[in-house]
């Protein structure tokens, strides 16, 4: 894909959303597939499956989203659109912020917002940093470009289990 303007997806949320996971902006593989975290080497689905205690990676995409919503997990991105060549966050230019506050105001059960990666945290905290009723959690990126092991990432992501509906058995 060229250095064209990339437009993100709509939020995956419902009235039960207790935990909102925010990425930066979908990469090229995700945009092409019209699916969050579609790159086969992105660890998101394995990481969130570990948090949920469920093997969501084996499910079709729509069923994955339904499992997330059933457990109170929502997905979106901090950037609504941006110019970018390739999929790396470092290549993002002229970002337009997503309406995070507007979304959060419509989520009455929300107790935490988790940022999937450094850029998501930087931008998201700029807009949400003074929220008193919602925990803000920085996570290592699920992207394969963030070169730490999946097990190290999973150890950090485990805290998300505290915010789920129907917490997994220990």
Protein backbone atom coordinates (compact mmCIF):
# COMPACT_ATOMS: atom_id res chain seq x y z
CA UNK A 1 0.00 0.00 0.00
CA UNK A 2 1.19 3.53 -0.74
CA UNK A 3 1.51 6.49 1.59
CA UNK A 4 -2.26 6.98 1.34
CA UNK A 5 -4.58 7.96 4.15
CA UNK A 6 -5.51 4.88 6.20
CA UNK A 7 -8.89 4.83 7.93
CA UNK A 8 -9.39 2.67 11.01
CA UNK A 9 -12.29 0.44 11.94
CA UNK A 10 -15.40 1.13 13.96
CA UNK A 11 -15.25 0.20 17.65
CA UNK A 12 -16.14 -3.31 18.76
CA UNK A 13 -18.08 -2.59 21.96
CA UNK A 14 -21.46 -3.05 23.57
CA UNK A 15 -23.18 -2.06 26.82
CA UNK A 16 -21.25 -4.80 28.71
CA UNK A 17 -17.80 -3.45 27.81
CA UNK A 18 -15.70 -3.24 30.98
CA UNK A 19 -12.26 -3.30 29.33
CA UNK A 20 -11.43 -1.35 26.19
CA UNK A 21 -8.20 -2.31 24.40
CA UNK A 22 -6.88 0.45 22.17
CA UNK A 23 -4.30 -0.01 19.45
CA UNK A 24 -2.77 2.74 17.34
CA UNK A 25 -4.09 2.19 13.78
CA UNK A 26 -4.68 -1.10 11.92
CA UNK A 27 -1.75 -2.28 9.81
CA UNK A 28 -1.94 -3.11 6.14
CA UNK A 29 -2.78 -6.81 6.67
CA UNK A 30 -5.63 -5.86 9.00
CA UNK A 31 -6.95 -3.20 6.64
CA UNK A 32 -6.83 -5.60 3.69
CA UNK A 33 -8.66 -8.32 5.67
CA UNK A 34 -10.99 -5.79 7.37
CA UNK A 35 -10.17 -7.45 10.70
CA UNK A 36 -8.46 -6.26 13.85
CA UNK A 37 -5.03 -7.87 14.32
CA UNK A 38 -5.11 -9.88 11.09
CA UNK A 39 -1.34 -10.15 10.55
CA UNK A 40 -0.51 -13.83 11.19
CA UNK A 41 2.51 -12.94 13.35
CA UNK A 42 0.66 -10.41 15.52
CA UNK A 43 0.28 -11.96 18.96
CA UNK A 44 -2.94 -10.18 19.91
CA UNK A 45 -5.32 -13.14 19.60
CA UNK A 46 -2.98 -15.48 21.49
CA UNK A 47 -2.43 -12.86 24.20
CA UNK A 48 -6.11 -12.05 24.70
CA UNK A 49 -6.95 -15.75 24.52
CA UNK A 50 -4.54 -16.30 27.41
CA UNK A 51 -6.23 -13.53 29.38
CA UNK A 52 -9.68 -14.99 28.67
CA UNK A 53 -8.57 -18.56 29.32
CA UNK A 54 -10.00 -19.50 25.91
CA UNK A 55 -8.48 -20.64 22.62
CA UNK A 56 -9.93 -17.79 20.57
CA UNK A 57 -7.27 -18.05 17.84
CA UNK A 58 -9.02 -21.16 16.47
CA UNK A 59 -12.34 -19.35 16.08
CA UNK A 60 -13.56 -17.53 12.95
CA UNK A 61 -13.09 -13.76 13.24
CA UNK A 62 -16.74 -12.91 13.97
CA UNK A 63 -16.83 -15.54 16.73
CA UNK A 64 -13.64 -14.06 18.23
CA UNK A 65 -15.31 -10.67 18.44
CA UNK A 66 -18.41 -12.18 20.02
CA UNK A 67 -16.27 -13.95 22.66
CA UNK A 68 -14.55 -10.66 23.48
CA UNK A 69 -17.85 -8.84 23.86
CA UNK A 70 -19.32 -11.67 25.95
CA UNK A 71 -16.42 -11.26 28.39
CA UNK A 72 -16.72 -7.46 28.49
CA UNK A 73 -13.80 -6.68 26.18
CA UNK A 74 -13.95 -4.01 23.48
CA UNK A 75 -11.52 -3.01 20.73
CA UNK A 76 -10.72 0.22 18.99
CA UNK A 77 -7.80 2.46 18.06
CA UNK A 78 -6.58 5.85 19.26
CA UNK A 79 -6.09 7.07 15.67
CA UNK A 80 -9.14 7.35 13.41
CA UNK A 81 -7.07 7.97 10.28
CA UNK A 82 -3.54 8.86 9.23
CA UNK A 83 -1.13 8.86 6.34
CA UNK A 84 1.23 5.90 6.49
CA UNK A 85 3.43 3.87 4.21
CA UNK A 86 3.56 0.30 5.45
CA UNK A 87 2.34 -0.84 8.85
CA UNK A 88 4.84 0.56 11.36
CA UNK A 89 3.66 3.13 13.89
CA UNK A 90 6.85 5.12 13.23
CA UNK A 91 5.59 5.79 9.68
CA UNK A 92 2.32 7.43 10.81
CA UNK A 93 1.94 11.01 9.60
CA UNK A 94 -0.89 13.55 10.05
CA UNK A 95 -2.91 11.45 12.51
CA UNK A 96 -6.52 12.27 13.27
CA UNK A 97 -7.48 11.21 16.78
CA UNK A 98 -10.43 8.92 17.38
CA UNK A 99 -13.25 10.26 19.58
CA UNK A 100 -12.17 8.29 22.64
CA UNK A 101 -14.05 10.43 25.13
CA UNK A 102 -17.24 10.17 23.09
CA UNK A 103 -16.98 6.40 22.99
CA UNK A 104 -16.16 6.09 26.69
CA UNK A 105 -19.12 8.25 27.68
CA UNK A 106 -21.37 5.62 26.07
CA UNK A 107 -19.83 2.68 27.98
CA UNK A 108 -21.47 2.68 31.44
CA UNK A 109 -19.66 -0.46 32.69
CA UNK A 110 -16.15 0.58 31.57
CA UNK A 111 -13.55 0.15 34.30
CA UNK A 112 -10.27 0.02 32.32
CA UNK A 113 -8.66 1.16 29.11
CA UNK A 114 -5.59 -0.79 28.00
CA UNK A 115 -3.15 0.56 25.42
CA UNK A 116 -1.66 -2.00 23.04
CA UNK A 117 1.78 -0.49 22.52
CA UNK A 118 3.71 2.69 23.13
CA UNK A 119 2.14 4.96 20.50
CA UNK A 120 -1.37 3.97 21.57
CA UNK A 121 -0.43 4.78 25.19
CA UNK A 122 1.19 8.10 24.28
CA UNK A 123 -1.78 9.33 22.26
CA UNK A 124 -4.46 7.71 24.42
CA UNK A 125 -3.08 9.07 27.69
CA UNK A 126 -2.93 12.55 26.17
CA UNK A 127 -6.70 12.41 25.66
CA UNK A 128 -7.73 10.28 28.63
CA UNK A 129 -5.09 11.02 31.26
CA UNK A 130 -7.45 12.71 33.70
CA UNK A 131 -10.16 10.06 33.83
CA UNK A 132 -10.77 9.27 37.50
CA UNK A 133 -13.17 6.35 37.23
CA UNK A 134 -11.24 4.28 34.67
CA UNK A 135 -7.90 2.53 35.10
CA UNK A 136 -5.36 3.16 32.33
CA UNK A 137 -3.05 0.22 31.57
CA UNK A 138 0.01 0.31 29.29
CA UNK A 139 0.80 -2.98 27.56
CA UNK A 140 3.72 -4.12 25.43
CA UNK A 141 2.62 -4.15 21.81
CA UNK A 142 1.25 -7.39 20.40
CA UNK A 143 2.97 -6.51 17.11
CA UNK A 144 5.83 -8.73 15.91
CA UNK A 145 7.80 -5.48 15.46
CA UNK A 146 7.94 -5.20 19.28
CA UNK A 147 10.71 -7.73 19.76
CA UNK A 148 10.12 -9.30 23.15
CA UNK A 149 8.89 -12.83 23.60
CA UNK A 150 5.20 -13.65 23.55
CA UNK A 151 5.55 -15.14 27.05
CA UNK A 152 7.02 -11.86 28.35
CA UNK A 153 4.15 -9.96 26.73
CA UNK A 154 1.65 -12.44 28.21
CA UNK A 155 2.99 -11.79 31.73
CA UNK A 156 2.21 -8.08 31.29
CA UNK A 157 -1.14 -8.70 29.61
CA UNK A 158 -2.31 -10.98 32.46
CA UNK A 159 -3.44 -7.96 34.50
CA UNK A 160 -6.32 -7.54 32.07
CA UNK A 161 -7.99 -10.57 33.65
CA UNK A 162 -8.90 -8.35 36.60
CA UNK A 163 -11.31 -6.39 34.42
CA UNK A 164 -13.20 -9.21 32.66
CA UNK A 165 -16.77 -10.31 33.06
CA UNK A 166 -16.71 -13.91 34.32
CA UNK A 167 -13.05 -14.03 35.24
CA UNK A 168 -11.22 -17.23 34.18
CA UNK A 169 -10.51 -19.85 36.83
CA UNK A 170 -7.02 -19.58 38.29
